[in-house]
Amino acid sequence: MFGVDSTELAVVAILALIFIGPKDLPKVMRTVGYWVGRVRGMARHFTAGLENMVREAELEEMEKRWREENDRIMREFPTVIDVEPAATVPALPTEAPLADQPQLPLIEAPPPIPEPPADYDPGGPQKKGEELP
């Protein structure tokens, strides 16, 4: 990872065990791990910030190119509005429908639900094994 070979790492571990001692070694390793994690988090935050700045710069460049291309197209093909006189546009029918035309409903109403027979029991059989009528 950092150009540290396994033998070098073993030498550092043995020296740490000798100089720090087995009693304080877990506490020192915990502290070192904490600070390594903090440094990695700061590096990740810094890298994300740089990537965000690059992305924003690329987006601004794309927007600039889009605006330039849009302006070029608008100059090349100007908007032409054809306005027809009001007399040539057919008017919408606003008068009421004729009296001799029947007015039909838009949808057909569903048929009414028939009444159940007088001896119909919606609860079903009361006892286990009793058959339905």
Protein backbone atom coordinates (compact mmCIF):
# COMPACT_ATOMS: atom_id res chain seq x y z
CA MET A 1 0.00 0.00 0.00
CA PHE A 2 2.65 2.55 1.01
CA GLY A 3 5.58 0.47 -0.19
CA VAL A 4 5.87 -1.30 3.18
CA ASP A 5 6.90 -4.94 2.87
CA SER A 6 5.64 -7.59 5.30
CA THR A 7 9.10 -7.96 6.88
CA GLU A 8 9.28 -4.20 7.51
CA LEU A 9 5.83 -4.30 9.06
CA ALA A 10 6.89 -7.18 11.32
CA VAL A 11 9.99 -5.23 12.45
CA VAL A 12 7.85 -2.18 13.28
CA ALA A 13 5.38 -4.37 15.23
CA ILE A 14 8.20 -5.97 17.26
CA LEU A 15 9.77 -2.57 18.00
CA ALA A 16 6.38 -1.19 19.08
CA LEU A 17 5.90 -4.16 21.37
CA ILE A 18 9.34 -3.61 22.91
CA PHE A 19 9.20 0.18 23.33
CA ILE A 20 5.50 0.67 24.13
CA GLY A 21 5.00 -2.57 26.00
CA PRO A 22 2.22 -5.12 25.88
CA LYS A 23 0.17 -3.26 28.50
CA ASP A 24 -0.22 0.03 26.56
CA LEU A 25 -0.06 -1.40 23.00
CA PRO A 26 -3.88 -1.92 22.58
CA LYS A 27 -4.58 1.67 23.71
CA VAL A 28 -1.93 3.07 21.34
CA MET A 29 -3.24 0.98 18.42
CA ARG A 30 -6.80 2.17 19.13
CA THR A 31 -5.63 5.81 19.12
CA VAL A 32 -3.63 5.31 15.92
CA GLY A 33 -6.64 3.67 14.25
CA TYR A 34 -8.87 6.57 15.31
CA TRP A 35 -6.52 9.15 13.81
CA VAL A 36 -5.97 7.15 10.63
CA GLY A 37 -9.76 7.01 10.21
CA ARG A 38 -10.06 10.76 10.73
CA VAL A 39 -7.32 11.47 8.17
CA ARG A 40 -8.97 9.14 5.64
CA GLY A 41 -12.32 10.89 6.21
CA MET A 42 -10.75 14.30 5.64
CA ALA A 43 -9.04 13.05 2.48
CA ARG A 44 -12.34 11.60 1.22
CA HIS A 45 -14.10 14.91 1.94
CA PHE A 46 -11.36 16.86 0.15
CA THR A 47 -11.49 14.54 -2.87
CA ALA A 48 -15.28 14.79 -3.05
CA GLY A 49 -15.03 18.60 -2.96
CA LEU A 50 -12.53 18.61 -5.83
CA GLU A 51 -14.69 16.25 -7.88
CA ASN A 52 -17.72 18.44 -7.23
CA MET A 53 -15.84 21.55 -8.40
CA VAL A 54 -14.73 19.77 -11.59
CA ARG A 55 -18.29 18.56 -12.23
CA GLU A 56 -19.66 22.10 -11.78
CA ALA A 57 -17.02 23.51 -14.15
CA GLU A 58 -17.94 20.90 -16.78
CA LEU A 59 -21.63 21.70 -16.32
CA GLU A 60 -21.00 25.42 -16.77
CA GLU A 61 -19.00 24.68 -19.94
CA MET A 62 -21.84 22.52 -21.28
CA GLU A 63 -24.40 25.24 -20.49
CA LYS A 64 -22.24 27.82 -22.26
CA ARG A 65 -21.97 25.61 -25.37
CA TRP A 66 -25.73 24.95 -25.26
CA ARG A 67 -26.49 28.69 -25.06
CA GLU A 68 -24.13 29.43 -27.98
CA GLU A 69 -25.70 26.67 -30.10
CA ASN A 70 -29.20 27.83 -29.17
CA ASP A 71 -28.35 31.41 -30.14
CA ARG A 72 -26.87 30.21 -33.46
CA ILE A 73 -30.02 28.20 -34.25
CA MET A 74 -32.29 31.10 -33.28
CA ARG A 75 -30.31 33.44 -35.60
CA GLU A 76 -30.38 30.90 -38.42
CA PHE A 77 -34.08 30.07 -38.09
CA PRO A 78 -35.92 33.13 -36.78
CA THR A 79 -39.41 32.62 -35.43
CA VAL A 80 -42.14 33.39 -37.96
CA ILE A 81 -45.64 33.99 -36.65
CA ASP A 82 -48.45 33.59 -39.18
CA VAL A 83 -51.53 35.39 -37.92
CA GLU A 84 -54.71 34.52 -39.80
CA PRO A 85 -57.48 37.08 -39.87
CA ALA A 86 -60.35 36.36 -37.51
CA ALA A 87 -62.81 36.02 -40.41
CA THR A 88 -61.08 32.92 -41.81
CA VAL A 89 -61.05 31.04 -38.50
CA PRO A 90 -64.26 29.02 -38.13
CA ALA A 91 -66.27 29.97 -35.08
CA LEU A 92 -67.11 27.41 -32.46
CA PRO A 93 -70.83 26.59 -32.13
CA THR A 94 -72.17 28.52 -29.20
CA GLU A 95 -75.89 28.21 -29.86
CA ALA A 96 -78.05 25.72 -27.95
CA PRO A 97 -78.75 22.29 -29.52
CA LEU A 98 -81.81 22.01 -31.70
CA ALA A 99 -85.06 21.00 -30.01
CA ASP A 100 -85.81 18.19 -32.47
CA GLN A 101 -82.54 16.36 -31.66
CA PRO A 102 -82.85 13.88 -28.76
CA GLN A 103 -80.41 14.31 -25.90
CA LEU A 104 -78.83 10.94 -25.11
CA PRO A 105 -77.06 10.17 -21.83
CA LEU A 106 -73.30 9.77 -22.12
CA ILE A 107 -73.21 6.43 -20.27
CA GLU A 108 -75.83 3.83 -19.60
CA ALA A 109 -76.94 3.37 -15.99
CA PRO A 110 -76.26 -0.11 -14.52
CA PRO A 111 -79.27 -2.36 -13.92
CA PRO A 112 -80.72 -2.35 -10.38
CA ILE A 113 -79.56 -5.06 -7.96
CA PRO A 114 -82.35 -7.63 -7.39
CA GLU A 115 -83.69 -8.17 -3.87
CA PRO A 116 -82.66 -11.46 -2.19
CA PRO A 117 -85.40 -14.08 -1.50
CA ALA A 118 -87.25 -13.87 1.82
CA ASP A 119 -85.73 -17.11 3.14
CA TYR A 120 -82.14 -16.08 2.33
CA ASP A 121 -79.76 -16.28 5.34
CA PRO A 122 -76.57 -14.29 4.80
CA GLY A 123 -74.91 -15.83 7.89
CA GLY A 124 -74.63 -19.34 6.41
CA PRO A 125 -74.93 -22.57 8.39
CA GLN A 126 -74.96 -22.15 12.17
CA LYS A 127 -73.65 -25.61 13.10
CA LYS A 128 -70.71 -27.55 11.80
CA GLY A 129 -71.84 -30.08 9.22
CA GLU A 130 -75.16 -28.34 8.50
CA GLU A 131 -75.71 -28.16 4.75
CA LEU A 132 -76.57 -25.10 2.75
CA PRO A 133 -80.19 -24.81 1.42
